[in-house]
């Protein structure tokens, strides 16, 4: 049964991009978006909340000019500490022993294909929390292994944002609620910002 599920996922992953890319070629315009981003993830599970920061990447294929199928993965490896003093606020990023891996897939609905786009998205996937003191590359590999071992929670992500392009190069800001399920739904703020390239 496990092999059948893995085979079905692989077939889907290899056929979906070909189908969506073929549809995009019929319409003309930009077909694919690739992006990298800095990720801020606020876990609202404790008081005070835990703030994580990391990096991620996205890949999207047009189904139509206003609809894309998008996959993304982010790895949060630092904790953010904010201190409020009478003379201002200080933020500090420090390495964390708890690492967070997000893997999401779903549609993105956008306003046309001009230089400025507003969009909404709804994705599903997994989120995994791992604890280790490894460096970023080794910790990322360990987090991927934890997902394969069943140490991942189902996640739903509604979000939205704005993209601005000058030619094929743009910037994207996105805000959403990264909801994972662990003895009930856990709502968590997630913000990402970074460059996007379309072709």
Protein backbone atom coordinates (compact mmCIF):
# COMPACT_ATOMS: atom_id res chain seq x y z
CA UNK A 1 0.00 0.00 0.00
CA UNK A 2 2.85 2.35 0.87
CA UNK A 3 4.46 1.79 -2.53
CA UNK A 4 1.16 2.51 -4.28
CA UNK A 5 0.78 5.85 -2.46
CA UNK A 6 4.39 6.84 -3.18
CA UNK A 7 3.96 5.86 -6.85
CA UNK A 8 0.78 7.92 -7.13
CA UNK A 9 2.49 10.96 -5.59
CA UNK A 10 5.46 10.64 -7.98
CA UNK A 11 3.17 10.35 -11.02
CA UNK A 12 1.23 13.43 -9.86
CA UNK A 13 4.43 15.42 -9.27
CA UNK A 14 5.81 14.62 -12.73
CA UNK A 15 2.59 14.98 -14.77
CA UNK A 16 1.09 18.09 -13.17
CA UNK A 17 3.94 20.45 -14.18
CA UNK A 18 3.84 19.18 -17.78
CA UNK A 19 0.07 19.66 -18.02
CA UNK A 20 0.07 23.12 -16.46
CA UNK A 21 3.07 24.25 -18.52
CA UNK A 22 1.33 23.09 -21.72
CA UNK A 23 -1.78 25.07 -20.74
CA UNK A 24 0.31 28.17 -20.05
CA UNK A 25 2.05 27.95 -23.44
CA UNK A 26 -1.35 28.08 -25.18
CA UNK A 27 -2.19 31.35 -23.42
CA UNK A 28 1.16 33.12 -23.85
CA UNK A 29 2.72 35.40 -21.25
CA UNK A 30 4.62 34.24 -18.22
CA UNK A 31 4.39 30.51 -17.47
CA UNK A 32 6.54 29.69 -14.45
CA UNK A 33 7.53 31.51 -11.25
CA UNK A 34 10.50 30.61 -9.09
CA UNK A 35 11.18 32.38 -5.83
CA UNK A 36 13.18 32.39 -2.64
CA UNK A 37 12.07 34.00 0.60
CA UNK A 38 12.84 34.81 4.20
CA UNK A 39 10.25 33.23 6.47
CA UNK A 40 8.89 34.44 9.85
CA UNK A 41 6.73 31.93 11.75
CA UNK A 42 4.97 32.79 15.02
CA UNK A 43 3.89 29.68 16.93
CA UNK A 44 0.90 30.67 19.06
CA UNK A 45 1.04 27.65 21.31
CA UNK A 46 2.67 29.03 24.40
CA UNK A 47 2.67 32.25 26.32
CA UNK A 48 4.74 34.05 25.20
CA UNK A 49 4.57 32.88 21.59
CA UNK A 50 7.64 31.42 19.92
CA UNK A 51 8.98 33.26 16.89
CA UNK A 52 11.04 31.40 14.28
CA UNK A 53 12.88 32.62 11.19
CA UNK A 54 14.32 30.79 8.23
CA UNK A 55 14.54 30.48 4.46
CA UNK A 56 12.41 28.86 1.79
CA UNK A 57 11.69 28.46 -1.89
CA UNK A 58 8.67 28.32 -4.23
CA UNK A 59 7.87 26.95 -7.67
CA UNK A 60 4.62 27.76 -9.49
CA UNK A 61 3.18 26.80 -12.88
CA UNK A 62 0.38 28.71 -14.61
CA UNK A 63 -2.89 26.93 -15.23
CA UNK A 64 -4.32 30.23 -16.53
CA UNK A 65 -3.07 33.79 -16.32
CA UNK A 66 -4.93 34.23 -13.05
CA UNK A 67 -4.41 30.73 -11.57
CA UNK A 68 -1.19 28.97 -10.62
CA UNK A 69 -0.36 25.69 -8.92
CA UNK A 70 2.36 26.37 -6.38
CA UNK A 71 4.63 24.26 -4.18
CA UNK A 72 6.79 25.68 -1.44
CA UNK A 73 9.10 24.55 1.31
CA UNK A 74 10.55 26.56 4.19
CA UNK A 75 13.02 25.65 6.91
CA UNK A 76 13.04 27.75 10.09
CA UNK A 77 16.27 27.29 12.03
CA UNK A 78 16.56 30.48 14.13
CA UNK A 79 14.50 31.88 16.98
CA UNK A 80 13.63 35.56 17.14
CA UNK A 81 13.63 37.30 20.51
CA UNK A 82 12.08 40.74 20.85
CA UNK A 83 12.75 42.89 23.90
CA UNK A 84 10.84 46.08 24.62
CA UNK A 85 12.72 48.73 26.55
CA UNK A 86 11.84 52.32 27.44
CA UNK A 87 14.23 53.49 24.69
CA UNK A 88 12.95 51.14 21.96
CA UNK A 89 12.58 47.57 20.75
CA UNK A 90 15.45 45.20 20.04
CA UNK A 91 15.24 42.04 17.95
CA UNK A 92 17.78 39.25 18.04
CA UNK A 93 18.03 36.07 15.93
CA UNK A 94 19.72 33.14 17.66
CA UNK A 95 20.21 29.52 16.57
CA UNK A 96 17.40 27.32 17.82
CA UNK A 97 17.43 23.67 18.89
CA UNK A 98 13.87 23.36 17.57
CA UNK A 99 13.70 23.49 13.77
CA UNK A 100 10.47 23.83 11.77
CA UNK A 101 9.97 22.43 8.26
CA UNK A 102 6.95 23.54 6.18
CA UNK A 103 5.93 21.79 2.94
CA UNK A 104 2.82 23.14 1.19
CA UNK A 105 1.07 22.75 -2.16
CA UNK A 106 -2.03 24.38 -3.64
CA UNK A 107 -3.57 26.96 -5.96
CA UNK A 108 -2.75 30.66 -6.09
CA UNK A 109 -5.38 33.03 -7.54
CA UNK A 110 -3.97 36.34 -8.77
CA UNK A 111 -5.11 39.50 -10.53
CA UNK A 112 -3.88 39.06 -14.11
CA UNK A 113 -0.25 39.05 -15.17
CA UNK A 114 0.73 42.73 -15.06
CA UNK A 115 3.55 44.38 -13.10
CA UNK A 116 1.52 44.53 -9.85
CA UNK A 117 -0.54 41.57 -8.66
CA UNK A 118 -2.67 40.89 -5.64
CA UNK A 119 -3.22 37.23 -4.81
CA UNK A 120 -4.84 34.77 -2.43
CA UNK A 121 -3.76 31.20 -1.88
CA UNK A 122 -4.95 28.08 -0.13
CA UNK A 123 -2.47 25.27 0.39
CA UNK A 124 -2.27 21.97 2.23
CA UNK A 125 0.75 20.02 3.34
CA UNK A 126 2.78 19.12 6.38
CA UNK A 127 4.68 20.83 9.16
CA UNK A 128 7.35 19.11 11.21
CA UNK A 129 9.07 20.18 14.43
CA UNK A 130 12.44 18.56 15.13
CA UNK A 131 14.88 19.09 17.98
CA UNK A 132 18.62 18.91 17.40
CA UNK A 133 21.78 20.97 17.72
CA UNK A 134 23.01 20.36 14.17
CA UNK A 135 24.06 23.06 11.71
CA UNK A 136 21.55 24.23 9.07
CA UNK A 137 22.31 21.72 6.25
CA UNK A 138 22.45 18.70 8.58
CA UNK A 139 19.38 19.92 10.50
CA UNK A 140 17.45 20.29 7.24
CA UNK A 141 18.32 16.71 6.26
CA UNK A 142 17.25 15.52 9.71
CA UNK A 143 13.94 17.42 9.41
CA UNK A 144 13.26 15.80 6.02
CA UNK A 145 13.93 12.41 7.60
CA UNK A 146 11.49 13.18 10.41
CA UNK A 147 8.73 13.80 7.83
CA UNK A 148 9.49 10.42 6.25
CA UNK A 149 9.32 8.75 9.66
CA UNK A 150 5.79 10.05 10.26
CA UNK A 151 6.80 12.89 12.60
CA UNK A 152 4.79 15.49 10.67
CA UNK A 153 1.46 17.15 11.23
CA UNK A 154 -1.18 17.96 8.61
CA UNK A 155 -1.24 21.69 7.79
CA UNK A 156 -3.63 24.05 6.03
CA UNK A 157 -2.48 27.48 4.87
CA UNK A 158 -4.82 30.28 3.76
CA UNK A 159 -2.92 33.43 2.83
CA UNK A 160 -2.61 36.40 0.53
CA UNK A 161 -0.28 39.14 -0.53
CA UNK A 162 1.16 41.29 -3.27
CA UNK A 163 3.81 40.87 -5.98
CA UNK A 164 5.51 43.65 -7.93
CA UNK A 165 7.50 43.01 -11.12
CA UNK A 166 9.91 44.94 -13.29
CA UNK A 167 10.20 42.69 -16.32
CA UNK A 168 10.81 39.11 -15.15
CA UNK A 169 12.15 40.10 -11.69
CA UNK A 170 9.87 40.87 -8.79
CA UNK A 171 9.38 41.01 -5.04
CA UNK A 172 6.67 39.15 -3.15
CA UNK A 173 5.16 39.77 0.28
CA UNK A 174 2.80 37.16 1.70
CA UNK A 175 0.94 36.84 5.01
CA UNK A 176 -1.11 33.85 6.12
CA UNK A 177 -2.32 31.54 8.87
CA UNK A 178 -0.25 28.34 8.97
CA UNK A 179 -2.72 26.04 10.74
CA UNK A 180 -1.48 22.67 11.91
CA UNK A 181 -3.46 20.03 13.75
CA UNK A 182 -2.17 18.72 17.08
CA UNK A 183 -4.99 17.98 19.54
CA UNK A 184 -7.06 20.54 17.66
CA UNK A 185 -6.29 23.31 15.18
CA UNK A 186 -3.32 25.55 16.01
CA UNK A 187 -3.36 28.95 14.28
CA UNK A 188 0.03 30.56 13.60
CA UNK A 189 1.02 33.77 11.83
CA UNK A 190 3.42 33.30 8.93
CA UNK A 191 5.03 36.11 6.89
CA UNK A 192 7.37 35.65 3.93
CA UNK A 193 9.22 38.13 1.74
CA UNK A 194 11.66 37.68 -1.10
CA UNK A 195 12.52 37.82 -4.80
CA UNK A 196 10.48 36.12 -7.51
CA UNK A 197 11.46 35.38 -11.11
CA UNK A 198 8.93 34.68 -13.85
CA UNK A 199 9.54 33.25 -17.31
